[in-house]
PDB file of N, CA and C in Angstrom:
ATOM      1  N   UNK A   1     -88.370  27.816  31.162  1.00  0.00           N
ATOM      2  CA  UNK A   1     -89.421  28.462  32.827  1.00  0.00           C
ATOM      3  C   UNK A   1     -88.746  28.644  33.219  1.00  0.00           C
ATOM      4  N   UNK A   2     -89.178  29.794  33.750  1.00  0.00           N
ATOM      5  CA  UNK A   2     -88.611  31.030  34.379  1.00  0.00           C
ATOM      6  C   UNK A   2     -88.327  30.852  35.752  1.00  0.00           C
ATOM      7  N   UNK A   3     -87.023  31.147  36.264  1.00  0.00           N
ATOM      8  CA  UNK A   3     -86.539  30.341  37.978  1.00  0.00           C
ATOM      9  C   UNK A   3     -86.460  29.237  37.672  1.00  0.00           C
ATOM     10  N   UNK A   4     -85.874  28.568  36.557  1.00  0.00           N
ATOM     11  CA  UNK A   4     -85.470  27.055  36.255  1.00  0.00           C
ATOM     12  C   UNK A   4     -84.640  26.168  37.504  1.00  0.00           C
ATOM     13  N   UNK A   5     -83.756  27.610  38.181  1.00  0.00           N
ATOM     14  CA  UNK A   5     -82.503  26.635  39.692  1.00  0.00           C
ATOM     15  C   UNK A   5     -83.837  25.716  40.415  1.00  0.00           C
ATOM     16  N   UNK A   6     -85.557  26.215  40.396  1.00  0.00           N
ATOM     17  CA  UNK A   6     -86.370  25.955  41.361  1.00  0.00           C
ATOM     18  C   UNK A   6     -86.775  24.519  40.769  1.00  0.00           C
ATOM     19  N   UNK A   7     -86.119  24.260  39.779  1.00  0.00           N
ATOM     20  CA  UNK A   7     -87.468  23.008  38.647  1.00  0.00           C
ATOM     21  C   UNK A   7     -85.966  21.873  38.379  1.00  0.00           C
ATOM     22  N   UNK A   8     -86.603  20.988  38.952  1.00  0.00           N
ATOM     23  CA  UNK A   8     -85.524  19.620  38.466  1.00  0.00           C
ATOM     24  C   UNK A   8     -86.970  18.365  37.921  1.00  0.00           C
ATOM     25  N   UNK A   9     -86.826  18.162  36.767  1.00  0.00           N
ATOM     26  CA  UNK A   9     -87.378  16.464  36.755  1.00  0.00           C
ATOM     27  C   UNK A   9     -86.767  15.291  36.470  1.00  0.00           C
ATOM     28  N   UNK A  10     -86.821  14.479  37.041  1.00  0.00           N
ATOM     29  CA  UNK A  10     -85.803  13.343  37.024  1.00  0.00           C
ATOM     30  C   UNK A  10     -86.611  12.314  36.203  1.00  0.00           C
ATOM     31  N   UNK A  11     -87.027  12.485  34.354  1.00  0.00           N
ATOM     32  CA  UNK A  11     -88.085  11.434  33.853  1.00  0.00           C
ATOM     33  C   UNK A  11     -87.319  10.121  33.925  1.00  0.00           C
ATOM     34  N   UNK A  12     -86.018  10.251  34.013  1.00  0.00           N
ATOM     35  CA  UNK A  12     -85.283   8.466  34.385  1.00  0.00           C
ATOM     36  C   UNK A  12     -85.346   8.044  35.446  1.00  0.00           C
ATOM     37  N   UNK A  13     -85.732   8.806  36.489  1.00  0.00           N
ATOM     38  CA  UNK A  13     -86.012   7.759  37.569  1.00  0.00           C
ATOM     39  C   UNK A  13     -86.668   6.676  37.525  1.00  0.00           C
ATOM     40  N   UNK A  14     -86.486   5.604  38.450  1.00  0.00           N
ATOM     41  CA  UNK A  14     -87.376   4.197  38.063  1.00  0.00           C
ATOM     42  C   UNK A  14     -88.250   4.398  38.875  1.00  0.00           C
ATOM     43  N   UNK A  15     -88.374   5.545  39.955  1.00  0.00           N
ATOM     44  CA  UNK A  15     -89.755   5.740  40.540  1.00  0.00           C
ATOM     45  C   UNK A  15     -90.843   6.805  40.070  1.00  0.00           C
ATOM     46  N   UNK A  16     -90.175   7.571  38.858  1.00  0.00           N
ATOM     47  CA  UNK A  16     -90.892   8.677  38.128  1.00  0.00           C
ATOM     48  C   UNK A  16     -92.109   8.310  37.448  1.00  0.00           C
ATOM     49  N   UNK A  17     -93.273   9.094  37.213  1.00  0.00           N
ATOM     50  CA  UNK A  17     -93.229   9.746  38.279  1.00  0.00           C
ATOM     51  C   UNK A  17     -94.229   8.804  39.537  1.00  0.00           C
ATOM     52  N   UNK A  18     -93.540   9.248  40.891  1.00  0.00           N
ATOM     53  CA  UNK A  18     -94.084   9.126  42.097  1.00  0.00           C
ATOM     54  C   UNK A  18     -95.670   8.793  42.662  1.00  0.00           C
ATOM     55  N   UNK A  19     -95.629  10.451  41.770  1.00  0.00           N
ATOM     56  CA  UNK A  19     -97.434  10.242  42.136  1.00  0.00           C
ATOM     57  C   UNK A  19     -98.117  10.831  41.013  1.00  0.00           C
ATOM     58  N   UNK A  20     -99.393  10.840  40.772  1.00  0.00           N
ATOM     59  CA  UNK A  20    -100.058  11.435  39.898  1.00  0.00           C
ATOM     60  C   UNK A  20    -100.349  12.801  39.592  1.00  0.00           C
ATOM     61  N   UNK A  21     -99.719  13.117  38.747  1.00  0.00           N
ATOM     62  CA  UNK A  21     -99.508  14.779  38.288  1.00  0.00           C
ATOM     63  C   UNK A  21     -99.828  15.007  36.988  1.00  0.00           C
ATOM     64  N   UNK A  22    -100.930  15.657  36.442  1.00  0.00           N
ATOM     65  CA  UNK A  22    -101.785  15.510  35.402  1.00  0.00           C
ATOM     66  C   UNK A  22    -100.719  16.523  34.428  1.00  0.00           C
ATOM     67  N   UNK A  23     -99.996  17.220  35.027  1.00  0.00           N
ATOM     68  CA  UNK A  23     -99.058  18.081  34.323  1.00  0.00           C
ATOM     69  C   UNK A  23     -97.746  17.980  34.166  1.00  0.00           C
ATOM     70  N   UNK A  24     -97.076  18.073  33.018  1.00  0.00           N
ATOM     71  CA  UNK A  24     -95.714  17.727  32.289  1.00  0.00           C
ATOM     72  C   UNK A  24     -94.903  19.016  33.483  1.00  0.00           C
ATOM     73  N   UNK A  25     -95.285  19.583  34.473  1.00  0.00           N
ATOM     74  CA  UNK A  25     -94.014  20.329  34.956  1.00  0.00           C
ATOM     75  C   UNK A  25     -93.782  19.593  36.476  1.00  0.00           C
ATOM     76  N   UNK A  26     -93.675  18.522  36.333  1.00  0.00           N
ATOM     77  CA  UNK A  26     -93.777  17.402  37.746  1.00  0.00           C
ATOM     78  C   UNK A  26     -91.957  17.348  38.528  1.00  0.00           C
ATOM     79  N   UNK A  27     -92.139  18.378  39.479  1.00  0.00           N
ATOM     80  CA  UNK A  27     -90.669  18.512  40.171  1.00  0.00           C
ATOM     81  C   UNK A  27     -90.355  18.080  41.046  1.00  0.00           C
ATOM     82  N   UNK A  28     -88.895  17.316  40.901  1.00  0.00           N
ATOM     83  CA  UNK A  28     -88.369  16.495  41.445  1.00  0.00           C
ATOM     84  C   UNK A  28     -87.605  17.152  42.486  1.00  0.00           C
ATOM     85  N   UNK A  29     -87.238  18.001  42.473  1.00  0.00           N
ATOM     86  CA  UNK A  29     -85.970  19.184  43.025  1.00  0.00           C
ATOM     87  C   UNK A  29     -86.460  18.360  44.660  1.00  0.00           C
ATOM     88  N   UNK A  30     -87.688  18.851  45.448  1.00  0.00           N
ATOM     89  CA  UNK A  30     -87.971  18.202  46.350  1.00  0.00           C
ATOM     90  C   UNK A  30     -88.768  16.887  46.863  1.00  0.00           C
ATOM     91  N   UNK A  31     -87.701  16.093  46.103  1.00  0.00           N
ATOM     92  CA  UNK A  31     -87.720  14.278  45.921  1.00  0.00           C
ATOM     93  C   UNK A  31     -88.389  13.801  47.041  1.00  0.00           C
ATOM     94  N   UNK A  32     -87.792  13.823  48.629  1.00  0.00           N
ATOM     95  CA  UNK A  32     -88.000  13.758  49.957  1.00  0.00           C
ATOM     96  C   UNK A  32     -88.737  14.828  50.422  1.00  0.00           C
ATOM     97  N   UNK A  33     -90.201  14.868  50.797  1.00  0.00           N
ATOM     98  CA  UNK A  33     -90.388  15.791  50.957  1.00  0.00           C
ATOM     99  C   UNK A  33     -89.875  16.905  52.018  1.00  0.00           C
ATOM    100  N   UNK A  34     -88.944  17.919  52.132  1.00  0.00           N
ATOM    101  CA  UNK A  34     -88.199  18.827  53.225  1.00  0.00           C
ATOM    102  C   UNK A  34     -89.463  19.080  54.537  1.00  0.00           C
ATOM    103  N   UNK A  35     -90.774  19.101  54.606  1.00  0.00           N
ATOM    104  CA  UNK A  35     -91.868  19.344  55.248  1.00  0.00           C
ATOM    105  C   UNK A  35     -92.445  18.674  55.996  1.00  0.00           C
ATOM    106  N   UNK A  36     -91.775  16.815  56.084  1.00  0.00           N
ATOM    107  CA  UNK A  36     -92.204  15.828  56.589  1.00  0.00           C
ATOM    108  C   UNK A  36     -91.928  16.046  57.904  1.00  0.00           C
ATOM    109  N   UNK A  37     -91.253  16.663  58.291  1.00  0.00           N
ATOM    110  CA  UNK A  37     -90.948  16.762  59.943  1.00  0.00           C
ATOM    111  C   UNK A  37     -92.162  17.763  60.299  1.00  0.00           C
ATOM    112  N   UNK A  38     -92.521  18.873  59.323  1.00  0.00           N
ATOM    113  CA  UNK A  38     -93.205  19.541  60.360  1.00  0.00           C
ATOM    114  C   UNK A  38     -95.118  18.422  60.687  1.00  0.00           C
ATOM    115  N   UNK A  39     -95.133  17.656  60.289  1.00  0.00           N
ATOM    116  CA  UNK A  39     -96.285  16.724  60.912  1.00  0.00           C
ATOM    117  C   UNK A  39     -97.543  17.605  60.304  1.00  0.00           C
ATOM    118  N   UNK A  40     -98.598  17.853  61.389  1.00  0.00           N
ATOM    119  CA  UNK A  40     -99.508  18.420  60.854  1.00  0.00           C
ATOM    120  C   UNK A  40     -99.557  19.841  60.206  1.00  0.00           C
ATOM    121  N   UNK A  41     -98.261  20.008  60.370  1.00  0.00           N
ATOM    122  CA  UNK A  41     -98.676  21.887  60.100  1.00  0.00           C
ATOM    123  C   UNK A  41     -97.605  22.044  58.389  1.00  0.00           C
ATOM    124  N   UNK A  42     -97.751  20.966  57.767  1.00  0.00           N
ATOM    125  CA  UNK A  42     -96.598  20.821  56.837  1.00  0.00           C
ATOM    126  C   UNK A  42     -97.382  21.721  55.304  1.00  0.00           C
ATOM    127  N   UNK A  43     -98.923  21.362  55.429  1.00  0.00           N
ATOM    128  CA  UNK A  43     -99.787  22.248  54.536  1.00  0.00           C
ATOM    129  C   UNK A  43     -99.865  20.971  53.411  1.00  0.00           C
ATOM    130  N   UNK A  44     -99.615  20.083  53.444  1.00  0.00           N
ATOM    131  CA  UNK A  44     -99.737  19.119  52.103  1.00  0.00           C
ATOM    132  C   UNK A  44    -101.015  17.900  52.481  1.00  0.00           C
ATOM    133  N   UNK A  45    -101.164  17.239  51.621  1.00  0.00           N
ATOM    134  CA  UNK A  45    -102.114  16.087  51.625  1.00  0.00           C
ATOM    135  C   UNK A  45    -101.472  14.948  52.706  1.00  0.00           C
ATOM    136  N   UNK A  46    -102.032  14.105  53.637  1.00  0.00           N
ATOM    137  CA  UNK A  46    -101.489  13.239  54.011  1.00  0.00           C
ATOM    138  C   UNK A  46    -102.520  12.442  55.550  1.00  0.00           C
ATOM    139  N   UNK A  47    -102.030  11.463  55.407  1.00  0.00           N
ATOM    140  CA  UNK A  47    -102.666  10.628  56.615  1.00  0.00           C
ATOM    141  C   UNK A  47    -102.164   9.931  57.315  1.00  0.00           C
ATOM    142  N   UNK A  48    -102.302   9.375  58.969  1.00  0.00           N
ATOM    143  CA  UNK A  48    -101.533   8.872  60.037  1.00  0.00           C
ATOM    144  C   UNK A  48    -101.740   7.369  59.760  1.00  0.00           C
ATOM    145  N   UNK A  49    -100.818   6.565  59.700  1.00  0.00           N
ATOM    146  CA  UNK A  49    -100.883   4.890  60.037  1.00  0.00           C
ATOM    147  C   UNK A  49    -100.350   4.952  61.006  1.00  0.00           C
ATOM    148  N   UNK A  50    -100.757   3.280  61.340  1.00  0.00           N
ATOM    149  CA  UNK A  50     -99.498   2.702  62.408  1.00  0.00           C
ATOM    150  C   UNK A  50     -99.239   1.594  61.640  1.00  0.00           C
ATOM    151  N   UNK A  51     -97.578   1.648  61.965  1.00  0.00           N
ATOM    152  CA  UNK A  51     -96.759   0.731  61.427  1.00  0.00           C
ATOM    153  C   UNK A  51     -96.194  -0.266  62.530  1.00  0.00           C
ATOM    154  N   UNK A  52     -96.211  -1.551  62.963  1.00  0.00           N
ATOM    155  CA  UNK A  52     -95.189  -1.790  63.844  1.00  0.00           C
ATOM    156  C   UNK A  52     -95.330  -0.802  65.302  1.00  0.00           C
ATOM    157  N   UNK A  53     -96.453  -0.564  65.632  1.00  0.00           N
ATOM    158  CA  UNK A  53     -96.002   0.509  66.886  1.00  0.00           C
ATOM    159  C   UNK A  53     -95.827   2.208  66.900  1.00  0.00           C
ATOM    160  N   UNK A  54     -95.509   2.293  65.237  1.00  0.00           N
ATOM    161  CA  UNK A  54     -95.057   3.592  65.525  1.00  0.00           C
ATOM    162  C   UNK A  54     -96.139   4.226  64.301  1.00  0.00           C
ATOM    163  N   UNK A  55     -96.340   5.458  64.862  1.00  0.00           N
ATOM    164  CA  UNK A  55     -97.237   6.707  64.082  1.00  0.00           C
ATOM    165  C   UNK A  55     -96.512   6.651  62.927  1.00  0.00           C
ATOM    166  N   UNK A  56     -96.903   6.957  61.283  1.00  0.00           N
ATOM    167  CA  UNK A  56     -95.621   7.311  60.546  1.00  0.00           C
ATOM    168  C   UNK A  56     -97.038   7.970  59.451  1.00  0.00           C
ATOM    169  N   UNK A  57     -96.378   8.865  58.967  1.00  0.00           N
ATOM    170  CA  UNK A  57     -96.887   9.998  58.146  1.00  0.00           C
ATOM    171  C   UNK A  57     -97.036   9.302  56.765  1.00  0.00           C
ATOM    172  N   UNK A  58     -97.864   9.090  55.908  1.00  0.00           N
ATOM    173  CA  UNK A  58     -98.478   8.784  54.696  1.00  0.00           C
ATOM    174  C   UNK A  58     -98.727   9.690  53.178  1.00  0.00           C
ATOM    175  N   UNK A  59     -97.692  10.400  52.949  1.00  0.00           N
ATOM    176  CA  UNK A  59     -97.745  11.462  51.997  1.00  0.00           C
ATOM    177  C   UNK A  59     -97.793  11.159  50.386  1.00  0.00           C
ATOM    178  N   UNK A  60     -98.375   9.867  50.323  1.00  0.00           N
ATOM    179  CA  UNK A  60     -98.457   9.314  48.463  1.00  0.00           C
ATOM    180  C   UNK A  60     -99.751   9.857  47.771  1.00  0.00           C
ATOM    181  N   UNK A  61    -100.679  10.414  48.523  1.00  0.00           N
ATOM    182  CA  UNK A  61    -101.703  11.486  47.507  1.00  0.00           C
ATOM    183  C   UNK A  61    -101.336  13.242  47.999  1.00  0.00           C
ATOM    184  N   UNK A  62     -99.937  13.178  48.048  1.00  0.00           N
ATOM    185  CA  UNK A  62     -99.854  14.663  48.331  1.00  0.00           C
ATOM    186  C   UNK A  62     -98.902  15.483  46.983  1.00  0.00           C
ATOM    187  N   UNK A  63     -98.822  16.033  46.257  1.00  0.00           N
ATOM    188  CA  UNK A  63     -97.976  16.670  45.243  1.00  0.00           C
ATOM    189  C   UNK A  63     -97.605  17.848  45.488  1.00  0.00           C
ATOM    190  N   UNK A  64     -97.835  18.258  46.820  1.00  0.00           N
ATOM    191  CA  UNK A  64     -97.170  19.603  47.176  1.00  0.00           C
ATOM    192  C   UNK A  64     -95.591  20.280  46.743  1.00  0.00           C
ATOM    193  N   UNK A  65     -94.651  19.529  47.166  1.00  0.00           N
ATOM    194  CA  UNK A  65     -93.397  19.663  46.544  1.00  0.00           C
ATOM    195  C   UNK A  65     -93.260  19.556  45.448  1.00  0.00           C
ATOM    196  N   UNK A  66     -93.960  18.992  44.734  1.00  0.00           N
ATOM    197  CA  UNK A  66     -93.901  18.059  43.181  1.00  0.00           C
ATOM    198  C   UNK A  66     -94.195  19.249  42.130  1.00  0.00           C
ATOM    199  N   UNK A  67     -95.110  20.721  42.499  1.00  0.00           N
ATOM    200  CA  UNK A  67     -95.275  21.888  41.859  1.00  0.00           C
ATOM    201  C   UNK A  67     -94.336  22.848  41.759  1.00  0.00           C
ATOM    202  N   UNK A  68     -94.303  23.200  41.000  1.00  0.00           N
ATOM    203  CA  UNK A  68     -92.834  24.113  40.746  1.00  0.00           C
ATOM    204  C   UNK A  68     -93.166  25.455  41.481  1.00  0.00           C
ATOM    205  N   UNK A  69     -94.587  26.091  41.226  1.00  0.00           N
ATOM    206  CA  UNK A  69     -95.076  27.169  41.958  1.00  0.00           C
ATOM    207  C   UNK A  69     -94.685  26.818  43.628  1.00  0.00           C
ATOM    208  N   UNK A  70     -94.796  25.710  44.034  1.00  0.00           N
ATOM    209  CA  UNK A  70     -94.697  25.731  45.685  1.00  0.00           C
ATOM    210  C   UNK A  70     -93.227  25.919  45.923  1.00  0.00           C
ATOM    211  N   UNK A  71     -92.379  26.644  45.064  1.00  0.00           N
ATOM    212  CA  UNK A  71     -90.780  26.734  46.088  1.00  0.00           C
ATOM    213  C   UNK A  71     -91.148  27.619  46.868  1.00  0.00           C
ATOM    214  N   UNK A  72     -91.314  28.590  46.967  1.00  0.00           N
ATOM    215  CA  UNK A  72     -91.118  29.908  47.475  1.00  0.00           C
ATOM    216  C   UNK A  72     -92.403  29.313  48.788  1.00  0.00           C
ATOM    217  N   UNK A  73     -93.447  28.642  49.035  1.00  0.00           N
ATOM    218  CA  UNK A  73     -93.866  28.195  50.341  1.00  0.00           C
ATOM    219  C   UNK A  73     -93.289  27.231  50.931  1.00  0.00           C
ATOM    220  N   UNK A  74     -92.630  26.219  50.357  1.00  0.00           N
ATOM    221  CA  UNK A  74     -91.722  25.255  51.019  1.00  0.00           C
ATOM    222  C   UNK A  74     -90.177  26.207  51.527  1.00  0.00           C
ATOM    223  N   UNK A  75     -89.909  26.959  51.007  1.00  0.00           N
ATOM    224  CA  UNK A  75     -88.591  27.581  51.649  1.00  0.00           C
ATOM    225  C   UNK A  75     -89.318  28.294  52.568  1.00  0.00           C
ATOM    226  N   UNK A  76     -90.451  29.059  52.632  1.00  0.00           N
ATOM    227  CA  UNK A  76     -90.886  29.888  53.671  1.00  0.00           C
ATOM    228  C   UNK A  76     -90.953  29.383  54.987  1.00  0.00           C
ATOM    229  N   UNK A  77     -91.972  28.165  54.690  1.00  0.00           N
ATOM    230  CA  UNK A  77     -92.127  27.024  55.851  1.00  0.00           C
ATOM    231  C   UNK A  77     -90.671  26.601  56.359  1.00  0.00           C
ATOM    232  N   UNK A  78     -89.762  26.453  55.541  1.00  0.00           N
ATOM    233  CA  UNK A  78     -88.535  25.808  56.375  1.00  0.00           C
ATOM    234  C   UNK A  78     -87.935  26.849  57.067  1.00  0.00           C
ATOM    235  N   UNK A  79     -88.161  28.203  56.778  1.00  0.00           N
ATOM    236  CA  UNK A  79     -87.272  29.493  57.044  1.00  0.00           C
ATOM    237  C   UNK A  79     -88.247  30.066  58.452  1.00  0.00           C
ATOM    238  N   UNK A  80     -89.251  29.751  58.248  1.00  0.00           N
ATOM    239  CA  UNK A  80     -90.517  29.867  59.905  1.00  0.00           C
ATOM    240  C   UNK A  80     -90.066  28.854  60.636  1.00  0.00           C
ATOM    241  N   UNK A  81     -89.966  27.301  60.214  1.00  0.00           N
ATOM    242  CA  UNK A  81     -89.878  26.553  61.334  1.00  0.00           C
ATOM    243  C   UNK A  81     -88.166  26.636  61.918  1.00  0.00           C
ATOM    244  N   UNK A  82     -86.951  27.334  61.567  1.00  0.00           N
ATOM    245  CA  UNK A  82     -85.845  27.468  61.738  1.00  0.00           C
ATOM    246  C   UNK A  82     -85.828  28.673  62.478  1.00  0.00           C
ATOM    247  N   UNK A  83     -86.908  29.558  62.393  1.00  0.00           N
ATOM    248  CA  UNK A  83     -86.615  30.616  63.046  1.00  0.00           C
ATOM    249  C   UNK A  83     -87.149  30.251  64.342  1.00  0.00           C
ATOM    250  N   UNK A  84     -88.326  29.980  64.201  1.00  0.00           N
ATOM    251  CA  UNK A  84     -89.500  29.819  65.608  1.00  0.00           C
ATOM    252  C   UNK A  84     -88.400  28.716  66.461  1.00  0.00           C
ATOM    253  N   UNK A  85     -87.605  27.645  66.067  1.00  0.00           N
ATOM    254  CA  UNK A  85     -87.021  26.815  66.608  1.00  0.00           C
ATOM    255  C   UNK A  85     -85.540  27.161  67.186  1.00  0.00           C
ATOM    256  N   UNK A  86     -85.318  27.956  66.798  1.00  0.00           N
ATOM    257  CA  UNK A  86     -84.304  29.243  67.485  1.00  0.00           C
ATOM    258  C   UNK A  86     -84.720  29.892  68.413  1.00  0.00           C
ATOM    259  N   UNK A  87     -85.898  30.202  68.888  1.00  0.00           N
ATOM    260  CA  UNK A  87     -86.033  31.257  69.706  1.00  0.00           C
ATOM    261  C   UNK A  87     -87.173  30.266  70.650  1.00  0.00           C
ATOM    262  N   UNK A  88     -87.250  29.310  70.172  1.00  0.00           N
ATOM    263  CA  UNK A  88     -88.475  28.601  71.421  1.00  0.00           C
ATOM    264  C   UNK A  88     -87.264  27.100  71.494  1.00  0.00           C
ATOM    265  N   UNK A  89     -86.020  27.292  71.311  1.00  0.00           N
ATOM    266  CA  UNK A  89     -85.398  26.009  72.206  1.00  0.00           C
ATOM    267  C   UNK A  89     -85.061  26.103  73.938  1.00  0.00           C
ATOM    268  N   UNK A  90     -85.457  25.238  74.633  1.00  0.00           N
ATOM    269  CA  UNK A  90     -85.866  25.094  75.607  1.00  0.00           C
ATOM    270  C   UNK A  90     -84.195  25.295  76.442  1.00  0.00           C
ATOM    271  N   UNK A  91     -83.120  24.539  75.264  1.00  0.00           N
ATOM    272  CA  UNK A  91     -81.788  24.001  75.832  1.00  0.00           C
ATOM    273  C   UNK A  91     -80.824  24.575  75.800  1.00  0.00           C
ATOM    274  N   UNK A  92     -80.843  26.416  75.745  1.00  0.00           N
ATOM    275  CA  UNK A  92     -80.171  27.270  75.595  1.00  0.00           C
ATOM    276  C   UNK A  92     -80.178  28.308  76.906  1.00  0.00           C
TER     277      UNK A  92
END
């Protein structure tokens, strides 16, 4: 695979596969989605639920971080969010 530093598949993980993905290219590099904190702006498939009076994001239907071709999308969103937070931080 081209750009193999962008892909890791842990087929020995007790949770593998954590989502249904028809392809053999299931990427575990972003095992816990780095875009979770973006809420509605993550770009993935999710739903909101209430658990013990707390709103939580359910991402079990989302495969966005597990598709190797989404590496640039994810790192781009993280970069955008970092830059945005630097310029919008009201504590400075």
